[in-house]
Amino acid sequence: MARKGNSTEEIIQALREVEVRLKQGETVQNAIAESFNARLRDELLNETLFRSLGHARQMIEARRHDYNHHRPHSKLGWLTPAGYATRWTQNEELKGRPSGAFNDDWIPDPTG
């Protein structure tokens, strides 16, 4: 993405460019992207008045971090995406499985 200024119009245009790129994916990816976009819009974009493009980036990054590290997801067995990734990696390493093999019933022991 080309470097943009800080006007409201430029921030809106930058967000539209990201949305257009997301919409160019496959049908299933579009459904996932649309769900994500709707939630992002409801929880952040509609409630935040961005002072600049830098402020928008900072707030979106904070939202991304919260989403990936602090919010459990039902589709991931109520784990956060980061927790799920850790679980998957530990499962692969401890079980010596080839990449892609995953045991959904295995839960890592947090005590070691």
PDB file of N, CA and C in Angstrom:
ATOM      1  N   MET A   1       0.852  -1.171   0.000  1.00  0.00           N
ATOM      2  CA  MET A   1       0.000   0.000   0.000  1.00  0.00           C
ATOM      3  C   MET A   1       0.896   1.231   0.000  1.00  0.00           C
ATOM      4  N   ALA A   2       0.589   2.158  -0.846  1.00  0.00           N
ATOM      5  CA  ALA A   2       1.375   3.380  -0.918  1.00  0.00           C
ATOM      6  C   ALA A   2       1.192   4.196   0.355  1.00  0.00           C
ATOM      7  N   ARG A   3       2.201   4.955   0.693  1.00  0.00           N
ATOM      8  CA  ARG A   3       2.148   5.797   1.883  1.00  0.00           C
ATOM      9  C   ARG A   3       1.063   6.844   1.705  1.00  0.00           C
ATOM     10  N   LYS A   4       0.210   6.977   2.675  1.00  0.00           N
ATOM     11  CA  LYS A   4      -0.908   7.920   2.636  1.00  0.00           C
ATOM     12  C   LYS A   4      -0.690   9.012   3.672  1.00  0.00           C
ATOM     13  N   GLY A   5      -1.449  10.092   3.529  1.00  0.00           N
ATOM     14  CA  GLY A   5      -1.414  11.164   4.506  1.00  0.00           C
ATOM     15  C   GLY A   5      -2.319  10.846   5.679  1.00  0.00           C
ATOM     16  N   ASN A   6      -2.755  11.878   6.381  1.00  0.00           N
ATOM     17  CA  ASN A   6      -3.529  11.671   7.589  1.00  0.00           C
ATOM     18  C   ASN A   6      -4.943  12.215   7.521  1.00  0.00           C
ATOM     19  N   SER A   7      -5.403  12.654   6.352  1.00  0.00           N
ATOM     20  CA  SER A   7      -6.760  13.190   6.296  1.00  0.00           C
ATOM     21  C   SER A   7      -7.772  12.061   6.449  1.00  0.00           C
ATOM     22  N   THR A   8      -8.962  12.412   6.875  1.00  0.00           N
ATOM     23  CA  THR A   8     -10.029  11.428   7.040  1.00  0.00           C
ATOM     24  C   THR A   8     -10.288  10.704   5.734  1.00  0.00           C
ATOM     25  N   GLU A   9     -10.311  11.451   4.640  1.00  0.00           N
ATOM     26  CA  GLU A   9     -10.557  10.840   3.334  1.00  0.00           C
ATOM     27  C   GLU A   9      -9.468   9.822   2.990  1.00  0.00           C
ATOM     28  N   GLU A  10      -8.222  10.130   3.303  1.00  0.00           N
ATOM     29  CA  GLU A  10      -7.124   9.211   3.001  1.00  0.00           C
ATOM     30  C   GLU A  10      -7.183   7.957   3.871  1.00  0.00           C
ATOM     31  N   ILE A  11      -7.590   8.105   5.115  1.00  0.00           N
ATOM     32  CA  ILE A  11      -7.747   6.945   6.006  1.00  0.00           C
ATOM     33  C   ILE A  11      -8.864   6.051   5.483  1.00  0.00           C
ATOM     34  N   ILE A  12      -9.987   6.648   5.115  1.00  0.00           N
ATOM     35  CA  ILE A  12     -11.112   5.877   4.585  1.00  0.00           C
ATOM     36  C   ILE A  12     -10.693   5.165   3.301  1.00  0.00           C
ATOM     37  N   GLN A  13      -9.977   5.861   2.420  1.00  0.00           N
ATOM     38  CA  GLN A  13      -9.527   5.251   1.168  1.00  0.00           C
ATOM     39  C   GLN A  13      -8.579   4.079   1.444  1.00  0.00           C
ATOM     40  N   ALA A  14      -7.680   4.219   2.412  1.00  0.00           N
ATOM     41  CA  ALA A  14      -6.756   3.127   2.747  1.00  0.00           C
ATOM     42  C   ALA A  14      -7.517   1.910   3.254  1.00  0.00           C
ATOM     43  N   LEU A  15      -8.525   2.123   4.098  1.00  0.00           N
ATOM     44  CA  LEU A  15      -9.335   1.018   4.605  1.00  0.00           C
ATOM     45  C   LEU A  15     -10.147   0.375   3.480  1.00  0.00           C
ATOM     46  N   ARG A  16     -10.641   1.167   2.540  1.00  0.00           N
ATOM     47  CA  ARG A  16     -11.379   0.612   1.400  1.00  0.00           C
ATOM     48  C   ARG A  16     -10.472  -0.249   0.524  1.00  0.00           C
ATOM     49  N   GLU A  17      -9.215   0.191   0.341  1.00  0.00           N
ATOM     50  CA  GLU A  17      -8.273  -0.592  -0.460  1.00  0.00           C
ATOM     51  C   GLU A  17      -8.024  -1.958   0.176  1.00  0.00           C
ATOM     52  N   VAL A  18      -7.906  -2.000   1.505  1.00  0.00           N
ATOM     53  CA  VAL A  18      -7.722  -3.273   2.207  1.00  0.00           C
ATOM     54  C   VAL A  18      -8.958  -4.137   2.024  1.00  0.00           C
ATOM     55  N   GLU A  19     -10.137  -3.543   2.151  1.00  0.00           N
ATOM     56  CA  GLU A  19     -11.379  -4.298   2.017  1.00  0.00           C
ATOM     57  C   GLU A  19     -11.527  -4.867   0.607  1.00  0.00           C
ATOM     58  N   VAL A  20     -11.146  -4.101  -0.411  1.00  0.00           N
ATOM     59  CA  VAL A  20     -11.228  -4.580  -1.794  1.00  0.00           C
ATOM     60  C   VAL A  20     -10.294  -5.771  -1.981  1.00  0.00           C
ATOM     61  N   ARG A  21      -9.089  -5.700  -1.443  1.00  0.00           N
ATOM     62  CA  ARG A  21      -8.154  -6.824  -1.574  1.00  0.00           C
ATOM     63  C   ARG A  21      -8.696  -8.070  -0.894  1.00  0.00           C
ATOM     64  N   LEU A  22      -9.353  -7.909   0.252  1.00  0.00           N
ATOM     65  CA  LEU A  22      -9.935  -9.059   0.939  1.00  0.00           C
ATOM     66  C   LEU A  22     -11.078  -9.661   0.127  1.00  0.00           C
ATOM     67  N   LYS A  23     -11.853  -8.834  -0.530  1.00  0.00           N
ATOM     68  CA  LYS A  23     -13.012  -9.312  -1.287  1.00  0.00           C
ATOM     69  C   LYS A  23     -12.615 -10.037  -2.568  1.00  0.00           C
ATOM     70  N   GLN A  24     -11.374  -9.932  -2.988  1.00  0.00           N
ATOM     71  CA  GLN A  24     -10.950 -10.565  -4.226  1.00  0.00           C
ATOM     72  C   GLN A  24     -10.569 -12.031  -4.035  1.00  0.00           C
ATOM     73  N   GLY A  25     -10.701 -12.558  -2.817  1.00  0.00           N
ATOM     74  CA  GLY A  25     -10.369 -13.951  -2.538  1.00  0.00           C
ATOM     75  C   GLY A  25     -11.461 -14.892  -2.990  1.00  0.00           C
ATOM     76  N   GLU A  26     -11.347 -16.153  -2.613  1.00  0.00           N
ATOM     77  CA  GLU A  26     -12.337 -17.156  -2.979  1.00  0.00           C
ATOM     78  C   GLU A  26     -13.621 -16.963  -2.165  1.00  0.00           C
ATOM     79  N   THR A  27     -14.672 -17.687  -2.552  1.00  0.00           N
ATOM     80  CA  THR A  27     -15.987 -17.531  -1.923  1.00  0.00           C
ATOM     81  C   THR A  27     -15.932 -17.768  -0.427  1.00  0.00           C
ATOM     82  N   VAL A  28     -15.309 -18.855   0.016  1.00  0.00           N
ATOM     83  CA  VAL A  28     -15.228 -19.154   1.449  1.00  0.00           C
ATOM     84  C   VAL A  28     -14.391 -18.093   2.157  1.00  0.00           C
ATOM     85  N   GLN A  29     -13.312 -17.680   1.521  1.00  0.00           N
ATOM     86  CA  GLN A  29     -12.486 -16.631   2.112  1.00  0.00           C
ATOM     87  C   GLN A  29     -13.282 -15.342   2.231  1.00  0.00           C
ATOM     88  N   ASN A  30     -14.145 -15.069   1.257  1.00  0.00           N
ATOM     89  CA  ASN A  30     -14.981 -13.876   1.335  1.00  0.00           C
ATOM     90  C   ASN A  30     -15.906 -13.934   2.534  1.00  0.00           C
ATOM     91  N   ALA A  31     -16.505 -15.100   2.799  1.00  0.00           N
ATOM     92  CA  ALA A  31     -17.406 -15.228   3.945  1.00  0.00           C
ATOM     93  C   ALA A  31     -16.651 -14.973   5.242  1.00  0.00           C
ATOM     94  N   ILE A  32     -15.470 -15.523   5.337  1.00  0.00           N
ATOM     95  CA  ILE A  32     -14.642 -15.312   6.531  1.00  0.00           C
ATOM     96  C   ILE A  32     -14.247 -13.846   6.628  1.00  0.00           C
ATOM     97  N   ALA A  33     -13.814 -13.270   5.518  1.00  0.00           N
ATOM     98  CA  ALA A  33     -13.406 -11.863   5.505  1.00  0.00           C
ATOM     99  C   ALA A  33     -14.591 -10.957   5.832  1.00  0.00           C
ATOM    100  N   GLU A  34     -15.764 -11.264   5.272  1.00  0.00           N
ATOM    101  CA  GLU A  34     -16.946 -10.448   5.545  1.00  0.00           C
ATOM    102  C   GLU A  34     -17.333 -10.499   7.012  1.00  0.00           C
ATOM    103  N   SER A  35     -17.250 -11.680   7.604  1.00  0.00           N
ATOM    104  CA  SER A  35     -17.555 -11.814   9.026  1.00  0.00           C
ATOM    105  C   SER A  35     -16.562 -10.998   9.854  1.00  0.00           C
ATOM    106  N   PHE A  36     -15.288 -11.127   9.505  1.00  0.00           N
ATOM    107  CA  PHE A  36     -14.249 -10.373  10.213  1.00  0.00           C
ATOM    108  C   PHE A  36     -14.467  -8.872  10.030  1.00  0.00           C
ATOM    109  N   ASN A  37     -14.711  -8.449   8.784  1.00  0.00           N
ATOM    110  CA  ASN A  37     -14.923  -7.023   8.509  1.00  0.00           C
ATOM    111  C   ASN A  37     -16.112  -6.468   9.273  1.00  0.00           C
ATOM    112  N   ALA A  38     -17.203  -7.230   9.316  1.00  0.00           N
ATOM    113  CA  ALA A  38     -18.398  -6.773  10.033  1.00  0.00           C
ATOM    114  C   ALA A  38     -18.107  -6.606  11.514  1.00  0.00           C
ATOM    115  N   ARG A  39     -17.410  -7.565  12.085  1.00  0.00           N
ATOM    116  CA  ARG A  39     -17.081  -7.480  13.506  1.00  0.00           C
ATOM    117  C   ARG A  39     -16.112  -6.324  13.773  1.00  0.00           C
ATOM    118  N   LEU A  40     -15.108  -6.169  12.906  1.00  0.00           N
ATOM    119  CA  LEU A  40     -14.162  -5.058  13.046  1.00  0.00           C
ATOM    120  C   LEU A  40     -14.893  -3.724  12.951  1.00  0.00           C
ATOM    121  N   ARG A  41     -15.807  -3.626  11.992  1.00  0.00           N
ATOM    122  CA  ARG A  41     -16.564  -2.387  11.827  1.00  0.00           C
ATOM    123  C   ARG A  41     -17.425  -2.108  13.064  1.00  0.00           C
ATOM    124  N   ASP A  42     -18.137  -3.128  13.563  1.00  0.00           N
ATOM    125  CA  ASP A  42     -19.011  -2.945  14.727  1.00  0.00           C
ATOM    126  C   ASP A  42     -18.236  -2.607  15.990  1.00  0.00           C
ATOM    127  N   GLU A  43     -17.112  -3.275  16.196  1.00  0.00           N
ATOM    128  CA  GLU A  43     -16.401  -3.157  17.468  1.00  0.00           C
ATOM    129  C   GLU A  43     -15.336  -2.062  17.492  1.00  0.00           C
ATOM    130  N   LEU A  44     -14.908  -1.589  16.327  1.00  0.00           N
ATOM    131  CA  LEU A  44     -13.827  -0.597  16.330  1.00  0.00           C
ATOM    132  C   LEU A  44     -14.128   0.594  15.431  1.00  0.00           C
ATOM    133  N   LEU A  45     -14.361   0.343  14.169  1.00  0.00           N
ATOM    134  CA  LEU A  45     -14.445   1.441  13.204  1.00  0.00           C
ATOM    135  C   LEU A  45     -15.637   2.354  13.455  1.00  0.00           C
ATOM    136  N   ASN A  46     -16.774   1.803  13.845  1.00  0.00           N
ATOM    137  CA  ASN A  46     -17.958   2.632  14.088  1.00  0.00           C
ATOM    138  C   ASN A  46     -17.885   3.380  15.415  1.00  0.00           C
ATOM    139  N   GLU A  47     -16.978   2.982  16.287  1.00  0.00           N
ATOM    140  CA  GLU A  47     -16.920   3.586  17.616  1.00  0.00           C
ATOM    141  C   GLU A  47     -15.686   4.447  17.857  1.00  0.00           C
ATOM    142  N   THR A  48     -14.795   4.527  16.871  1.00  0.00           N
ATOM    143  CA  THR A  48     -13.537   5.233  17.073  1.00  0.00           C
ATOM    144  C   THR A  48     -13.388   6.351  16.052  1.00  0.00           C
ATOM    145  N   LEU A  49     -13.056   7.526  16.525  1.00  0.00           N
ATOM    146  CA  LEU A  49     -12.739   8.645  15.651  1.00  0.00           C
ATOM    147  C   LEU A  49     -11.217   8.709  15.573  1.00  0.00           C
ATOM    148  N   PHE A  50     -10.674   8.301  14.446  1.00  0.00           N
ATOM    149  CA  PHE A  50      -9.222   8.265  14.284  1.00  0.00           C
ATOM    150  C   PHE A  50      -8.684   9.663  14.037  1.00  0.00           C
ATOM    151  N   ARG A  51      -7.622  10.006  14.747  1.00  0.00           N
ATOM    152  CA  ARG A  51      -7.004  11.326  14.611  1.00  0.00           C
ATOM    153  C   ARG A  51      -6.068  11.399  13.418  1.00  0.00           C
ATOM    154  N   SER A  52      -5.529  10.238  13.027  1.00  0.00           N
ATOM    155  CA  SER A  52      -4.579  10.199  11.925  1.00  0.00           C
ATOM    156  C   SER A  52      -4.477   8.765  11.427  1.00  0.00           C
ATOM    157  N   LEU A  53      -3.785   8.573  10.323  1.00  0.00           N
ATOM    158  CA  LEU A  53      -3.561   7.229   9.813  1.00  0.00           C
ATOM    159  C   LEU A  53      -2.734   6.423  10.815  1.00  0.00           C
ATOM    160  N   GLY A  54      -1.771   7.067  11.442  1.00  0.00           N
ATOM    161  CA  GLY A  54      -0.964   6.405  12.472  1.00  0.00           C
ATOM    162  C   GLY A  54      -1.816   5.943  13.647  1.00  0.00           C
ATOM    163  N   HIS A  55      -2.748   6.783  14.063  1.00  0.00           N
ATOM    164  CA  HIS A  55      -3.656   6.423  15.151  1.00  0.00           C
ATOM    165  C   HIS A  55      -4.536   5.250  14.740  1.00  0.00           C
ATOM    166  N   ALA A  56      -5.038   5.270  13.493  1.00  0.00           N
ATOM    167  CA  ALA A  56      -5.853   4.164  12.989  1.00  0.00           C
ATOM    168  C   ALA A  56      -5.054   2.872  13.011  1.00  0.00           C
ATOM    169  N   ARG A  57      -3.811   2.920  12.535  1.00  0.00           N
ATOM    170  CA  ARG A  57      -2.958   1.725  12.535  1.00  0.00           C
ATOM    171  C   ARG A  57      -2.717   1.216  13.957  1.00  0.00           C
ATOM    172  N   GLN A  58      -2.481   2.129  14.881  1.00  0.00           N
ATOM    173  CA  GLN A  58      -2.226   1.753  16.273  1.00  0.00           C
ATOM    174  C   GLN A  58      -3.458   1.073  16.877  1.00  0.00           C
ATOM    175  N   MET A  59      -4.633   1.628  16.655  1.00  0.00           N
ATOM    176  CA  MET A  59      -5.856   1.062  17.214  1.00  0.00           C
ATOM    177  C   MET A  59      -6.194  -0.284  16.574  1.00  0.00           C
ATOM    178  N   ILE A  60      -5.985  -0.399  15.258  1.00  0.00           N
ATOM    179  CA  ILE A  60      -6.253  -1.661  14.579  1.00  0.00           C
ATOM    180  C   ILE A  60      -5.271  -2.731  15.039  1.00  0.00           C
ATOM    181  N   GLU A  61      -4.015  -2.366  15.248  1.00  0.00           N
ATOM    182  CA  GLU A  61      -3.028  -3.331  15.752  1.00  0.00           C
ATOM    183  C   GLU A  61      -3.398  -3.779  17.167  1.00  0.00           C
ATOM    184  N   ALA A  62      -3.854  -2.856  18.006  1.00  0.00           N
ATOM    185  CA  ALA A  62      -4.279  -3.231  19.363  1.00  0.00           C
ATOM    186  C   ALA A  62      -5.475  -4.170  19.298  1.00  0.00           C
ATOM    187  N   ARG A  63      -6.394  -3.919  18.382  1.00  0.00           N
ATOM    188  CA  ARG A  63      -7.565  -4.795  18.199  1.00  0.00           C
ATOM    189  C   ARG A  63      -7.131  -6.176  17.711  1.00  0.00           C
ATOM    190  N   ARG A  64      -6.161  -6.207  16.764  1.00  0.00           N
ATOM    191  CA  ARG A  64      -5.653  -7.470  16.243  1.00  0.00           C
ATOM    192  C   ARG A  64      -4.995  -8.286  17.347  1.00  0.00           C
ATOM    193  N   HIS A  65      -4.205  -7.633  18.178  1.00  0.00           N
ATOM    194  CA  HIS A  65      -3.540  -8.324  19.285  1.00  0.00           C
ATOM    195  C   HIS A  65      -4.570  -8.885  20.260  1.00  0.00           C
ATOM    196  N   ASP A  66      -5.563  -8.088  20.613  1.00  0.00           N
ATOM    197  CA  ASP A  66      -6.625  -8.555  21.515  1.00  0.00           C
ATOM    198  C   ASP A  66      -7.357  -9.745  20.910  1.00  0.00           C
ATOM    199  N   TYR A  67      -7.694  -9.641  19.638  1.00  0.00           N
ATOM    200  CA  TYR A  67      -8.434 -10.699  18.940  1.00  0.00           C
ATOM    201  C   TYR A  67      -7.643 -12.009  18.928  1.00  0.00           C
ATOM    202  N   ASN A  68      -6.354 -11.942  18.701  1.00  0.00           N
ATOM    203  CA  ASN A  68      -5.521 -13.140  18.580  1.00  0.00           C
ATOM    204  C   ASN A  68      -5.010 -13.694  19.904  1.00  0.00           C
ATOM    205  N   HIS A  69      -4.915 -12.877  20.939  1.00  0.00           N
ATOM    206  CA  HIS A  69      -4.277 -13.313  22.182  1.00  0.00           C
ATOM    207  C   HIS A  69      -5.190 -13.339  23.405  1.00  0.00           C
ATOM    208  N   HIS A  70      -6.345 -12.691  23.329  1.00  0.00           N
ATOM    209  CA  HIS A  70      -7.175 -12.595  24.532  1.00  0.00           C
ATOM    210  C   HIS A  70      -8.628 -13.022  24.338  1.00  0.00           C
ATOM    211  N   ARG A  71      -9.057 -13.234  23.102  1.00  0.00           N
ATOM    212  CA  ARG A  71     -10.457 -13.575  22.842  1.00  0.00           C
ATOM    213  C   ARG A  71     -10.589 -15.010  22.376  1.00  0.00           C
ATOM    214  N   PRO A  72     -11.210 -15.860  23.168  1.00  0.00           N
ATOM    215  CA  PRO A  72     -11.408 -17.248  22.731  1.00  0.00           C
ATOM    216  C   PRO A  72     -12.418 -17.318  21.588  1.00  0.00           C
ATOM    217  N   HIS A  73     -12.234 -18.315  20.724  1.00  0.00           N
ATOM    218  CA  HIS A  73     -13.096 -18.487  19.562  1.00  0.00           C
ATOM    219  C   HIS A  73     -13.764 -19.849  19.628  1.00  0.00           C
ATOM    220  N   SER A  74     -15.063 -19.885  19.407  1.00  0.00           N
ATOM    221  CA  SER A  74     -15.809 -21.145  19.494  1.00  0.00           C
ATOM    222  C   SER A  74     -15.291 -22.172  18.497  1.00  0.00           C
ATOM    223  N   LYS A  75     -14.914 -21.752  17.303  1.00  0.00           N
ATOM    224  CA  LYS A  75     -14.437 -22.683  16.273  1.00  0.00           C
ATOM    225  C   LYS A  75     -13.075 -23.275  16.626  1.00  0.00           C
ATOM    226  N   LEU A  76     -12.400 -22.706  17.599  1.00  0.00           N
ATOM    227  CA  LEU A  76     -11.087 -23.213  18.022  1.00  0.00           C
ATOM    228  C   LEU A  76     -11.189 -23.892  19.382  1.00  0.00           C
ATOM    229  N   GLY A  77     -12.363 -24.379  19.721  1.00  0.00           N
ATOM    230  CA  GLY A  77     -12.542 -25.049  21.009  1.00  0.00           C
ATOM    231  C   GLY A  77     -12.385 -24.096  22.180  1.00  0.00           C
ATOM    232  N   TRP A  78     -12.796 -22.865  21.974  1.00  0.00           N
ATOM    233  CA  TRP A  78     -12.727 -21.803  22.978  1.00  0.00           C
ATOM    234  C   TRP A  78     -11.301 -21.474  23.392  1.00  0.00           C
ATOM    235  N   LEU A  79     -10.362 -21.670  22.480  1.00  0.00           N
ATOM    236  CA  LEU A  79      -8.987 -21.208  22.662  1.00  0.00           C
ATOM    237  C   LEU A  79      -8.819 -19.914  21.875  1.00  0.00           C
ATOM    238  N   THR A  80      -7.824 -19.131  22.246  1.00  0.00           N
ATOM    239  CA  THR A  80      -7.477 -17.974  21.424  1.00  0.00           C
ATOM    240  C   THR A  80      -6.715 -18.499  20.207  1.00  0.00           C
ATOM    241  N   PRO A  81      -6.658 -17.738  19.118  1.00  0.00           N
ATOM    242  CA  PRO A  81      -5.860 -18.191  17.980  1.00  0.00           C
ATOM    243  C   PRO A  81      -4.404 -18.458  18.359  1.00  0.00           C
ATOM    244  N   ALA A  82      -3.827 -17.617  19.206  1.00  0.00           N
ATOM    245  CA  ALA A  82      -2.445 -17.842  19.635  1.00  0.00           C
ATOM    246  C   ALA A  82      -2.342 -19.115  20.469  1.00  0.00           C
ATOM    247  N   GLY A  83      -3.309 -19.340  21.350  1.00  0.00           N
ATOM    248  CA  GLY A  83      -3.315 -20.564  22.153  1.00  0.00           C
ATOM    249  C   GLY A  83      -3.497 -21.800  21.297  1.00  0.00           C
ATOM    250  N   TYR A  84      -4.337 -21.702  20.277  1.00  0.00           N
ATOM    251  CA  TYR A  84      -4.551 -22.817  19.366  1.00  0.00           C
ATOM    252  C   TYR A  84      -3.269 -23.119  18.589  1.00  0.00           C
ATOM    253  N   ALA A  85      -2.587 -22.076  18.119  1.00  0.00           N
ATOM    254  CA  ALA A  85      -1.334 -22.265  17.384  1.00  0.00           C
ATOM    255  C   ALA A  85      -0.288 -22.920  18.276  1.00  0.00           C
ATOM    256  N   THR A  86      -0.216 -22.501  19.531  1.00  0.00           N
ATOM    257  CA  THR A  86       0.726 -23.098  20.474  1.00  0.00           C
ATOM    258  C   THR A  86       0.394 -24.562  20.694  1.00  0.00           C
ATOM    259  N   ARG A  87      -0.886 -24.841  20.885  1.00  0.00           N
ATOM    260  CA  ARG A  87      -1.330 -26.222  21.087  1.00  0.00           C
ATOM    261  C   ARG A  87      -0.989 -27.088  19.874  1.00  0.00           C
ATOM    262  N   TRP A  88      -1.239 -26.571  18.686  1.00  0.00           N
ATOM    263  CA  TRP A  88      -0.956 -27.316  17.469  1.00  0.00           C
ATOM    264  C   TRP A  88       0.542 -27.599  17.350  1.00  0.00           C
ATOM    265  N   THR A  89       1.366 -26.581  17.601  1.00  0.00           N
ATOM    266  CA  THR A  89       2.814 -26.750  17.516  1.00  0.00           C
ATOM    267  C   THR A  89       3.302 -27.772  18.531  1.00  0.00           C
ATOM    268  N   GLN A  90       2.822 -27.686  19.770  1.00  0.00           N
ATOM    269  CA  GLN A  90       3.227 -28.653  20.804  1.00  0.00           C
ATOM    270  C   GLN A  90       2.781 -30.060  20.428  1.00  0.00           C
ATOM    271  N   ASN A  91       1.597 -30.185  19.888  1.00  0.00           N
ATOM    272  CA  ASN A  91       1.086 -31.489  19.473  1.00  0.00           C
ATOM    273  C   ASN A  91       1.979 -32.081  18.385  1.00  0.00           C
ATOM    274  N   GLU A  92       2.358 -31.264  17.425  1.00  0.00           N
ATOM    275  CA  GLU A  92       3.217 -31.733  16.341  1.00  0.00           C
ATOM    276  C   GLU A  92       4.577 -32.173  16.878  1.00  0.00           C
ATOM    277  N   GLU A  93       5.161 -31.356  17.770  1.00  0.00           N
ATOM    278  CA  GLU A  93       6.499 -31.652  18.288  1.00  0.00           C
ATOM    279  C   GLU A  93       6.491 -32.856  19.214  1.00  0.00           C
ATOM    280  N   LEU A  94       5.541 -32.917  20.145  1.00  0.00           N
ATOM    281  CA  LEU A  94       5.532 -33.985  21.141  1.00  0.00           C
ATOM    282  C   LEU A  94       5.085 -35.323  20.568  1.00  0.00           C
ATOM    283  N   LYS A  95       4.219 -35.300  19.630  1.00  0.00           N
ATOM    284  CA  LYS A  95       3.713 -36.540  19.054  1.00  0.00           C
ATOM    285  C   LYS A  95       4.540 -37.003  17.863  1.00  0.00           C
ATOM    286  N   GLY A  96       5.448 -36.142  17.398  1.00  0.00           N
ATOM    287  CA  GLY A  96       6.279 -36.496  16.259  1.00  0.00           C
ATOM    288  C   GLY A  96       5.470 -36.736  14.999  1.00  0.00           C
ATOM    289  N   ARG A  97       4.372 -36.022  14.870  1.00  0.00           N
ATOM    290  CA  ARG A  97       3.489 -36.209  13.718  1.00  0.00           C
ATOM    291  C   ARG A  97       4.015 -35.421  12.520  1.00  0.00           C
ATOM    292  N   PRO A  98       3.712 -35.919  11.331  1.00  0.00           N
ATOM    293  CA  PRO A  98       4.056 -35.132  10.141  1.00  0.00           C
ATOM    294  C   PRO A  98       3.208 -33.864  10.110  1.00  0.00           C
ATOM    295  N   SER A  99       3.699 -32.852   9.458  1.00  0.00           N
ATOM    296  CA  SER A  99       2.987 -31.586   9.361  1.00  0.00           C
ATOM    297  C   SER A  99       1.583 -31.807   8.814  1.00  0.00           C
ATOM    298  N   GLY A 100       0.599 -31.217   9.455  1.00  0.00           N
ATOM    299  CA  GLY A 100      -0.784 -31.316   9.012  1.00  0.00           C
ATOM    300  C   GLY A 100      -1.601 -32.327   9.797  1.00  0.00           C
ATOM    301  N   ALA A 101      -0.953 -33.275  10.483  1.00  0.00           N
ATOM    302  CA  ALA A 101      -1.695 -34.258  11.280  1.00  0.00           C
ATOM    303  C   ALA A 101      -2.005 -33.628  12.623  1.00  0.00           C
ATOM    304  N   PHE A 102      -3.253 -33.638  13.028  1.00  0.00           N
ATOM    305  CA  PHE A 102      -3.640 -32.964  14.271  1.00  0.00           C
ATOM    306  C   PHE A 102      -4.653 -33.803  15.023  1.00  0.00           C
ATOM    307  N   ASN A 103      -4.455 -33.919  16.313  1.00  0.00           N
ATOM    308  CA  ASN A 103      -5.366 -34.658  17.178  1.00  0.00           C
ATOM    309  C   ASN A 103      -6.157 -33.649  17.990  1.00  0.00           C
ATOM    310  N   ASP A 104      -7.417 -33.445  17.648  1.00  0.00           N
ATOM    311  CA  ASP A 104      -8.245 -32.458  18.335  1.00  0.00           C
ATOM    312  C   ASP A 104      -8.500 -32.809  19.791  1.00  0.00           C
ATOM    313  N   ASP A 105      -8.356 -34.083  20.169  1.00  0.00           N
ATOM    314  CA  ASP A 105      -8.620 -34.483  21.539  1.00  0.00           C
ATOM    315  C   ASP A 105      -7.446 -34.237  22.478  1.00  0.00           C
ATOM    316  N   TRP A 106      -6.276 -33.998  21.905  1.00  0.00           N
ATOM    317  CA  TRP A 106      -5.078 -33.800  22.722  1.00  0.00           C
ATOM    318  C   TRP A 106      -5.020 -32.366  23.211  1.00  0.00           C
ATOM    319  N   ILE A 107      -4.870 -32.182  24.532  1.00  0.00           N
ATOM    320  CA  ILE A 107      -4.763 -30.857  25.121  1.00  0.00           C
ATOM    321  C   ILE A 107      -3.439 -30.797  25.878  1.00  0.00           C
ATOM    322  N   PRO A 108      -2.592 -29.797  25.587  1.00  0.00           N
ATOM    323  CA  PRO A 108      -1.298 -29.730  26.270  1.00  0.00           C
ATOM    324  C   PRO A 108      -1.458 -29.469  27.761  1.00  0.00           C
ATOM    325  N   ASP A 109      -0.558 -30.012  28.535  1.00  0.00           N
ATOM    326  CA  ASP A 109      -0.553 -29.806  29.975  1.00  0.00           C
ATOM    327  C   ASP A 109       0.219 -28.511  30.251  1.00  0.00           C
ATOM    328  N   PRO A 110      -0.441 -27.443  30.746  1.00  0.00           N
ATOM    329  CA  PRO A 110       0.236 -26.164  30.945  1.00  0.00           C
ATOM    330  C   PRO A 110       1.296 -26.208  32.050  1.00  0.00           C
ATOM    331  N   THR A 111       1.282 -27.236  32.889  1.00  0.00           N
ATOM    332  CA  THR A 111       2.264 -27.330  33.961  1.00  0.00           C
ATOM    333  C   THR A 111       3.561 -27.961  33.511  1.00  0.00           C
ATOM    334  N   GLY A 112       3.579 -28.409  32.260  1.00  0.00           N
ATOM    335  CA  GLY A 112       4.833 -28.966  31.739  1.00  0.00           C
ATOM    336  C   GLY A 112       4.676 -30.369  31.429  1.00  0.00           C
TER     337      GLY A 112
END
